[in-house]
Amino acid sequence: MVTPGITLDPTTEHARSATPAEAIRAGADHLVIGRSITHAADPVAAIQGAERSKA
């Protein structure tokens, strides 16, 4: 299952969003994390944070 709307910031402007951990608990196999990474001051650190937050 591909899940869009994944955010690293729970106060996001998305109408419906989930953190990586919430999406995985709900059954997601693949996460689409857009603005949390592309708009980050340090995109590499944002990706690393997403990896850590999946647990």
Foldseek 3Di string as FASTA:
>chain_A
DEDEQEAPDPVDPDPDHYHLQVVVVVPDPHYHYPCNQVVDPHNVVSVVSSVVVND
